[in-house]
Amino acid sequence: MSRTRPVSPVLATAVALTVASFVVVAAVAPQATPAAAPALARVVILATGGTIAGVQPKEGEAGYRSGAVSIDSLVRAAPGLEKLATIKGEQIASIGSQDMNDFVWVKLAKKAAELLAAPDVDGLVVTHGTDTLEETAYFLGLVLQSDKPVVVVGSMRPSTELSAEGPSNLYNAVALAADPAARGRGVLVVANDLAHAARFVVKTNTTSVQTFVSAGRSPVAEVLKGTKTAYLLPAAFTASKGHFNTTGIDAMPRVDIVYAHENADGAPVNAAVAAGAKGIVLAGVGDGNATKAMIDALTAAAKAGVVVVRSTRVGSGIVRRNIEVNDDQLGFVAGLDLNPQKARVLLRLALMKSNDVQKVQQIFEEN
């Protein structure tokens, strides 16, 4: 029968101290520090009015008054924005975009440039009516010289209408403006869960929420309620050139659009020249063509120093130089793939640099 050897008092004391030390160390060991939540992006919303801020006179009526809702109301209608970004807002105008004008454009561009230069601003959202949204977005893309996200957003239904898509569009716009991956992609337009490049976006339907498309191109991204944005095009494809700026600009040269059609004469061209137009854009039939009478009037205008740009009234395609019309001989500029309204925007800015037809043509090829 074996005996248990008695434990030495010294050994017992040492073991007890060792165990105690482990207990003390475990008790006072520092706990893992939870990772700090990433700082929210800082986004400024510049409001100009439009249907997204519209109100119906009576519930269920098709008509509405544009620009009737404040920017604070727009933000409150899109719950959860505070989780996407730190939001500030400023009311630039409260108009329907059919009444968009040079005063608002210049004010908006100057304010946007000022904010984009501030270190405490990460991105901008511009709320806007859909009627001239593509023109304003393209204008901003031409004059802003920052790689920070700028997102223009509107809606087809007023804020009081059943299933108004304005809050959803605004939420997606803020999500995009707050996304570092949106930097360097130029001015973007958000509508119906898609983001389009300002250079290519066009409005295609009078009332449908799926009105904006990228003509001849893919959308830039799919944006869905702030979840991970799927970018469909590389940034270099849509980056803004920023060839112009708003320094010292209070007004821009007058440029009119004349519309070609069966039996058109030179009256619209002559009226534009008489009104002081420095440039005229032809919304031509087919490949930027028009009746002989209208072409003759445009030729006379070009010889008088008015810069004439040929575009087309059809929905897609490229108006190249010297196709159907001899641009070299007549002194015209080919508008390439810009539709008439965007060709007008670019021509107005180009004329502030030069009225030389060859230089203006080069500007069109670069923008």
Protein backbone atom coordinates (compact mmCIF):
# COMPACT_ATOMS: atom_id res chain seq x y z
CA MET A 1 0.00 0.00 0.00
CA SER A 2 1.57 3.27 -1.16
CA ARG A 3 1.76 6.39 0.88
CA THR A 4 1.19 9.96 -0.28
CA ARG A 5 4.31 11.99 0.23
CA PRO A 6 3.50 15.13 2.23
CA VAL A 7 3.82 18.36 0.27
CA SER A 8 6.54 20.69 1.41
CA PRO A 9 5.16 23.87 3.00
CA VAL A 10 7.55 25.93 0.85
CA LEU A 11 6.39 24.25 -2.36
CA ALA A 12 2.73 24.68 -1.42
CA THR A 13 3.28 28.37 -0.79
CA ALA A 14 5.04 28.84 -4.15
CA VAL A 15 2.25 27.10 -6.05
CA ALA A 16 -0.37 29.19 -4.32
CA LEU A 17 1.47 32.42 -5.16
CA THR A 18 1.87 31.38 -8.79
CA VAL A 19 -1.84 30.63 -9.19
CA ALA A 20 -2.72 33.87 -7.52
CA SER A 21 -0.45 35.80 -9.87
CA PHE A 22 -2.19 34.28 -12.89
CA VAL A 23 -5.54 35.28 -11.45
CA VAL A 24 -4.39 38.84 -10.86
CA VAL A 25 -2.87 39.13 -14.33
CA ALA A 26 -6.06 37.80 -15.91
CA ALA A 27 -8.12 40.25 -13.92
CA VAL A 28 -6.12 43.33 -14.88
CA ALA A 29 -5.18 42.38 -18.48
CA PRO A 30 -6.33 45.14 -20.86
CA GLN A 31 -9.38 44.31 -22.93
CA ALA A 32 -9.25 44.60 -26.74
CA THR A 33 -10.30 48.13 -27.78
CA PRO A 34 -13.21 48.04 -30.25
CA ALA A 35 -12.40 49.59 -33.62
CA ALA A 36 -13.59 53.16 -33.91
CA ALA A 37 -16.45 53.68 -36.33
CA PRO A 38 -15.26 55.33 -39.54
CA ALA A 39 -16.00 59.05 -39.72
CA LEU A 40 -19.02 59.94 -41.83
CA ALA A 41 -18.47 61.75 -45.08
CA ARG A 42 -19.49 65.41 -45.13
CA VAL A 43 -22.01 66.15 -47.88
CA VAL A 44 -23.62 69.47 -48.77
CA ILE A 45 -26.97 69.56 -50.56
CA LEU A 46 -27.60 72.55 -52.82
CA ALA A 47 -31.29 72.87 -53.65
CA THR A 48 -32.68 74.61 -56.73
CA GLY A 49 -36.33 73.48 -56.64
CA GLY A 50 -37.94 71.28 -59.28
CA THR A 51 -40.44 68.45 -59.12
CA ILE A 52 -38.51 66.75 -56.33
CA ALA A 53 -39.60 69.72 -54.22
CA GLY A 54 -43.04 69.97 -55.83
CA VAL A 55 -46.48 69.95 -54.21
CA GLN A 56 -49.83 69.00 -55.75
CA PRO A 57 -52.68 71.54 -55.36
CA LYS A 58 -54.96 68.64 -54.49
CA GLU A 59 -54.15 65.03 -53.70
CA GLY A 60 -54.36 62.86 -56.80
CA GLU A 61 -54.13 65.70 -59.32
CA ALA A 62 -51.57 65.41 -62.09
CA GLY A 63 -50.46 69.05 -61.86
CA TYR A 64 -48.15 70.43 -59.19
CA ARG A 65 -46.17 73.49 -58.15
CA SER A 66 -42.40 73.07 -58.48
CA GLY A 67 -39.92 74.15 -55.83
CA ALA A 68 -42.51 74.49 -53.06
CA VAL A 69 -40.78 72.25 -50.49
CA SER A 70 -37.72 73.38 -48.52
CA ILE A 71 -34.44 71.50 -48.41
CA ASP A 72 -35.09 70.58 -44.77
CA SER A 73 -38.35 68.90 -45.77
CA LEU A 74 -36.57 66.96 -48.52
CA VAL A 75 -34.04 65.65 -46.02
CA ARG A 76 -36.72 64.67 -43.49
CA ALA A 77 -38.56 62.74 -46.21
CA ALA A 78 -35.53 60.46 -46.69
CA PRO A 79 -34.99 58.81 -43.30
CA GLY A 80 -31.55 57.34 -42.73
CA LEU A 81 -29.54 60.02 -44.51
CA GLU A 82 -27.84 60.80 -41.20
CA LYS A 83 -26.30 57.31 -41.28
CA LEU A 84 -24.76 57.95 -44.69
CA ALA A 85 -23.18 61.34 -44.15
CA THR A 86 -23.11 64.50 -42.12
CA ILE A 87 -25.55 66.66 -44.04
CA LYS A 88 -25.67 70.40 -44.55
CA GLY A 89 -27.94 72.20 -46.96
CA GLU A 90 -28.34 75.50 -48.77
CA GLN A 91 -31.21 76.78 -50.89
CA ILE A 92 -29.81 78.24 -54.12
CA ALA A 93 -33.18 78.73 -55.84
CA SER A 94 -36.78 77.49 -55.68
CA ILE A 95 -37.87 77.24 -59.30
CA GLY A 96 -39.08 74.71 -61.80
CA SER A 97 -36.19 73.80 -64.06
CA GLN A 98 -38.09 75.04 -67.12
CA ASP A 99 -37.21 78.46 -65.67
CA MET A 100 -33.52 77.67 -65.11
CA ASN A 101 -31.41 80.66 -66.12
CA ASP A 102 -27.89 82.06 -66.27
CA PHE A 103 -28.19 83.83 -62.91
CA VAL A 104 -28.93 80.57 -61.09
CA TRP A 105 -26.33 78.65 -63.10
CA VAL A 106 -23.56 81.07 -62.24
CA LYS A 107 -24.62 81.28 -58.59
CA LEU A 108 -24.78 77.50 -58.34
CA ALA A 109 -21.42 76.96 -60.05
CA LYS A 110 -19.62 79.52 -57.90
CA LYS A 111 -21.07 78.10 -54.68
CA ALA A 112 -20.24 74.55 -55.74
CA ALA A 113 -16.65 75.52 -56.57
CA GLU A 114 -16.29 77.23 -53.20
CA LEU A 115 -17.59 74.20 -51.31
CA LEU A 116 -15.53 71.69 -53.27
CA ALA A 117 -12.38 73.65 -52.38
CA ALA A 118 -13.19 73.41 -48.65
CA PRO A 119 -11.35 70.65 -46.74
CA ASP A 120 -14.44 69.88 -44.63
CA VAL A 121 -16.61 68.96 -47.67
CA ASP A 122 -16.36 65.51 -49.23
CA GLY A 123 -19.10 65.70 -51.83
CA LEU A 124 -22.05 67.68 -53.20
CA VAL A 125 -25.64 66.87 -54.12
CA VAL A 126 -27.66 69.27 -56.29
CA THR A 127 -31.44 68.87 -56.32
CA HIS A 128 -32.95 69.98 -59.61
CA GLY A 129 -36.01 69.71 -61.83
CA THR A 130 -35.77 67.11 -64.58
CA ASP A 131 -36.68 69.32 -67.55
CA THR A 132 -33.25 70.95 -67.90
CA LEU A 133 -31.34 68.72 -65.49
CA GLU A 134 -29.11 67.29 -68.21
CA GLU A 135 -28.07 70.81 -69.27
CA THR A 136 -27.21 71.95 -65.75
CA ALA A 137 -25.32 68.74 -65.01
CA TYR A 138 -23.27 69.08 -68.21
CA PHE A 139 -22.60 72.75 -67.46
CA LEU A 140 -21.32 71.88 -63.98
CA GLY A 141 -19.15 69.14 -65.42
CA LEU A 142 -17.53 71.65 -67.74
CA VAL A 143 -16.81 74.34 -65.15
CA LEU A 144 -16.04 72.48 -61.90
CA GLN A 145 -12.42 71.48 -61.43
CA SER A 146 -12.55 69.11 -58.45
CA ASP A 147 -12.42 65.33 -58.31
CA LYS A 148 -14.85 65.25 -55.36
CA PRO A 149 -18.22 63.67 -56.17
CA VAL A 150 -20.94 66.00 -57.49
CA VAL A 151 -24.33 64.35 -57.94
CA VAL A 152 -27.36 66.02 -59.55
CA VAL A 153 -30.71 64.50 -58.62
CA GLY A 154 -34.38 65.09 -59.34
CA SER A 155 -37.65 63.19 -59.54
CA MET A 156 -40.54 62.77 -61.93
CA ARG A 157 -43.22 62.79 -59.22
CA PRO A 158 -43.83 65.64 -56.76
CA SER A 159 -43.22 65.07 -53.08
CA THR A 160 -46.92 64.74 -52.25
CA GLU A 161 -47.79 62.21 -54.97
CA LEU A 162 -48.37 58.53 -54.29
CA SER A 163 -45.09 56.61 -54.72
CA ALA A 164 -43.01 59.76 -55.10
CA GLU A 165 -39.48 58.60 -55.92
CA GLY A 166 -37.76 61.77 -54.75
CA PRO A 167 -36.76 60.49 -51.27
CA SER A 168 -35.29 57.30 -52.76
CA ASN A 169 -33.39 59.24 -55.40
CA LEU A 170 -32.07 61.70 -52.81
CA TYR A 171 -30.96 58.84 -50.56
CA ASN A 172 -29.05 57.25 -53.44
CA ALA A 173 -27.54 60.60 -54.42
CA VAL A 174 -26.20 61.20 -50.92
CA ALA A 175 -24.85 57.65 -50.77
CA LEU A 176 -22.99 58.24 -54.03
CA ALA A 177 -21.68 61.66 -52.99
CA ALA A 178 -20.38 60.11 -49.76
CA ASP A 179 -18.63 57.22 -51.52
CA PRO A 180 -14.85 57.71 -51.94
CA ALA A 181 -15.02 55.45 -55.01
CA ALA A 182 -17.15 58.10 -56.75
CA ARG A 183 -14.25 60.56 -56.79
CA GLY A 184 -12.79 61.44 -60.16
CA ARG A 185 -15.85 60.26 -62.12
CA GLY A 186 -17.13 63.68 -63.14
CA VAL A 187 -20.58 65.08 -62.43
CA LEU A 188 -23.14 62.29 -62.09
CA VAL A 189 -26.92 62.20 -62.37
CA VAL A 190 -28.88 59.80 -60.15
CA ALA A 191 -32.39 58.59 -60.94
CA ASN A 192 -34.29 55.34 -60.48
CA ASP A 193 -31.35 53.46 -58.88
CA LEU A 194 -28.94 54.34 -61.72
CA ALA A 195 -26.10 56.86 -61.99
CA HIS A 196 -25.33 58.46 -65.36
CA ALA A 197 -22.47 60.63 -66.59
CA ALA A 198 -23.56 64.22 -67.15
CA ARG A 199 -21.90 64.15 -70.58
CA PHE A 200 -24.21 61.40 -71.86
CA VAL A 201 -27.42 61.53 -69.81
CA VAL A 202 -30.66 62.52 -71.58
CA LYS A 203 -34.29 62.72 -70.55
CA THR A 204 -36.39 60.45 -72.77
CA ASN A 205 -39.91 60.34 -71.35
CA THR A 206 -42.42 62.98 -70.29
CA THR A 207 -43.68 61.28 -67.14
CA SER A 208 -42.03 57.89 -66.51
CA VAL A 209 -39.65 57.49 -63.56
CA GLN A 210 -37.37 55.60 -65.97
CA THR A 211 -36.80 58.71 -68.07
CA PHE A 212 -33.03 59.20 -67.84
CA VAL A 213 -30.71 57.08 -69.94
CA SER A 214 -27.09 57.30 -71.04
CA ALA A 215 -27.40 57.85 -74.79
CA GLY A 216 -25.31 55.29 -76.61
CA ARG A 217 -23.48 54.39 -73.40
CA SER A 218 -23.83 52.34 -70.23
CA PRO A 219 -24.85 53.95 -66.95
CA VAL A 220 -21.91 54.71 -64.68
CA ALA A 221 -23.24 52.72 -61.74
CA GLU A 222 -26.13 50.98 -60.05
CA VAL A 223 -26.92 52.61 -56.71
CA LEU A 224 -29.36 50.83 -54.45
CA LYS A 225 -30.36 52.38 -51.12
CA GLY A 226 -26.83 53.01 -49.92
CA THR A 227 -25.67 49.42 -50.29
CA LYS A 228 -22.44 48.74 -52.13
CA THR A 229 -22.53 50.65 -55.40
CA ALA A 230 -21.74 48.63 -58.51
CA TYR A 231 -19.61 50.76 -60.83
CA LEU A 232 -20.07 49.72 -64.45
CA LEU A 233 -17.55 52.04 -66.12
CA PRO A 234 -13.98 53.03 -65.24
CA ALA A 235 -13.52 56.50 -63.78
CA ALA A 236 -11.39 57.67 -66.70
CA PHE A 237 -14.33 57.17 -69.06
CA THR A 238 -16.53 59.79 -67.40
CA ALA A 239 -14.05 62.14 -65.69
CA SER A 240 -14.83 65.82 -66.25
CA LYS A 241 -12.29 67.86 -68.16
CA GLY A 242 -12.98 71.09 -66.24
CA HIS A 243 -11.80 73.19 -69.19
CA PHE A 244 -13.80 76.22 -68.07
CA ASN A 245 -14.42 78.05 -64.82
CA THR A 246 -16.84 80.61 -63.41
CA THR A 247 -14.28 83.18 -62.24
CA GLY A 248 -15.51 86.62 -63.21
CA ILE A 249 -18.56 85.26 -65.06
CA ASP A 250 -21.81 87.14 -64.60
CA ALA A 251 -23.40 86.30 -67.94
CA MET A 252 -22.68 84.09 -70.93
CA PRO A 253 -23.04 84.73 -74.67
CA ARG A 254 -26.45 84.25 -76.23
CA VAL A 255 -26.79 81.05 -78.24
CA ASP A 256 -30.08 80.00 -79.85
CA ILE A 257 -31.24 76.65 -81.20
CA VAL A 258 -33.08 76.55 -84.55
CA TYR A 259 -35.15 73.47 -85.43
CA ALA A 260 -35.07 71.99 -88.90
CA HIS A 261 -38.24 70.57 -90.42
CA GLU A 262 -40.07 70.18 -93.73
CA ASN A 263 -40.26 73.48 -95.65
CA ALA A 264 -38.22 75.36 -93.03
CA ASP A 265 -37.00 78.77 -94.14
CA GLY A 266 -34.40 81.16 -92.79
CA ALA A 267 -36.76 83.13 -90.52
CA PRO A 268 -35.70 81.48 -87.22
CA VAL A 269 -32.02 81.98 -88.10
CA ASN A 270 -32.53 85.62 -89.03
CA ALA A 271 -34.54 86.21 -85.84
CA ALA A 272 -31.74 84.74 -83.72
CA VAL A 273 -29.15 86.96 -85.39
CA ALA A 274 -31.39 90.01 -84.94
CA ALA A 275 -31.78 89.17 -81.25
CA GLY A 276 -28.00 89.29 -80.79
CA ALA A 277 -27.07 85.61 -80.87
CA LYS A 278 -23.33 85.04 -80.91
CA GLY A 279 -23.88 81.38 -81.75
CA ILE A 280 -26.58 79.21 -83.30
CA VAL A 281 -27.08 75.47 -82.91
CA LEU A 282 -28.92 73.67 -85.68
CA ALA A 283 -31.18 70.86 -84.48
CA GLY A 284 -30.96 69.33 -87.90
CA VAL A 285 -32.80 66.53 -89.61
CA GLY A 286 -30.87 63.30 -90.04
CA ASP A 287 -27.14 63.93 -89.97
CA GLY A 288 -27.44 67.60 -88.98
CA ASN A 289 -28.95 68.81 -92.23
CA ALA A 290 -31.71 71.29 -93.15
CA THR A 291 -33.51 72.80 -96.13
CA LYS A 292 -31.48 74.87 -98.58
CA ALA A 293 -33.21 78.02 -97.34
CA MET A 294 -32.20 77.37 -93.74
CA ILE A 295 -28.64 76.36 -94.68
CA ASP A 296 -28.32 79.55 -96.74
CA ALA A 297 -29.43 81.64 -93.76
CA LEU A 298 -26.98 79.83 -91.48
CA THR A 299 -24.18 80.39 -94.00
CA ALA A 300 -24.92 84.11 -94.05
CA ALA A 301 -24.90 84.15 -90.24
CA ALA A 302 -21.55 82.37 -90.15
CA LYS A 303 -20.06 84.89 -92.59
CA ALA A 304 -21.32 87.66 -90.29
CA GLY A 305 -19.35 86.18 -87.36
CA VAL A 306 -22.01 84.02 -85.70
CA VAL A 307 -20.61 80.58 -84.82
CA VAL A 308 -22.90 77.86 -86.23
CA VAL A 309 -22.87 74.33 -84.81
CA ARG A 310 -24.63 71.47 -86.56
CA SER A 311 -26.38 68.97 -84.30
CA THR A 312 -29.33 66.65 -84.91
CA ARG A 313 -32.88 66.33 -83.68
CA VAL A 314 -32.73 62.50 -83.75
CA GLY A 315 -32.00 60.64 -80.55
CA SER A 316 -28.55 59.24 -81.26
CA GLY A 317 -25.64 59.29 -83.65
CA ILE A 318 -22.63 61.46 -84.46
CA VAL A 319 -22.72 64.56 -86.64
CA ARG A 320 -19.27 64.47 -88.23
CA ARG A 321 -17.59 67.19 -90.24
CA ASN A 322 -18.29 67.48 -93.97
CA ILE A 323 -20.91 64.73 -94.12
CA GLU A 324 -23.93 65.89 -96.16
CA VAL A 325 -22.92 69.49 -95.43
CA ASN A 326 -19.52 70.96 -96.37
CA ASP A 327 -18.53 72.47 -93.03
CA ASP A 328 -15.14 73.61 -94.31
CA GLN A 329 -16.72 75.59 -97.12
CA LEU A 330 -19.63 77.04 -95.14
CA GLY A 331 -17.72 77.77 -91.94
CA PHE A 332 -19.73 75.49 -89.62
CA VAL A 333 -18.78 73.43 -86.56
CA ALA A 334 -19.80 69.77 -86.32
CA GLY A 335 -21.47 69.04 -83.01
CA LEU A 336 -20.38 65.38 -82.96
CA ASP A 337 -22.45 63.34 -80.47
CA LEU A 338 -23.82 66.25 -78.43
CA ASN A 339 -27.56 66.78 -78.70
CA PRO A 340 -28.73 70.35 -79.47
CA GLN A 341 -29.26 71.40 -75.86
CA LYS A 342 -25.83 70.21 -74.76
CA ALA A 343 -24.17 71.62 -77.86
CA ARG A 344 -25.66 74.96 -76.86
CA VAL A 345 -24.17 74.69 -73.35
CA LEU A 346 -20.71 73.93 -74.68
CA LEU A 347 -20.87 76.59 -77.40
CA ARG A 348 -21.74 79.30 -74.85
CA LEU A 349 -18.67 78.42 -72.79
CA ALA A 350 -16.48 78.01 -75.88
CA LEU A 351 -17.42 81.50 -77.11
CA MET A 352 -15.98 82.97 -73.92
CA LYS A 353 -12.62 81.65 -75.11
CA SER A 354 -12.82 82.15 -78.86
CA ASN A 355 -15.14 82.68 -81.80
CA ASP A 356 -12.68 81.13 -84.23
CA VAL A 357 -14.46 78.22 -85.90
CA GLN A 358 -11.40 75.95 -85.90
CA LYS A 359 -10.75 76.56 -82.20
CA VAL A 360 -14.41 75.99 -81.35
CA GLN A 361 -14.33 72.72 -83.31
CA GLN A 362 -11.32 71.64 -81.26
CA ILE A 363 -13.18 72.48 -78.04
CA PHE A 364 -16.07 70.28 -79.17
CA GLU A 365 -13.67 67.42 -79.90
CA GLU A 366 -12.11 67.74 -76.42
CA ASN A 367 -15.33 67.92 -74.41
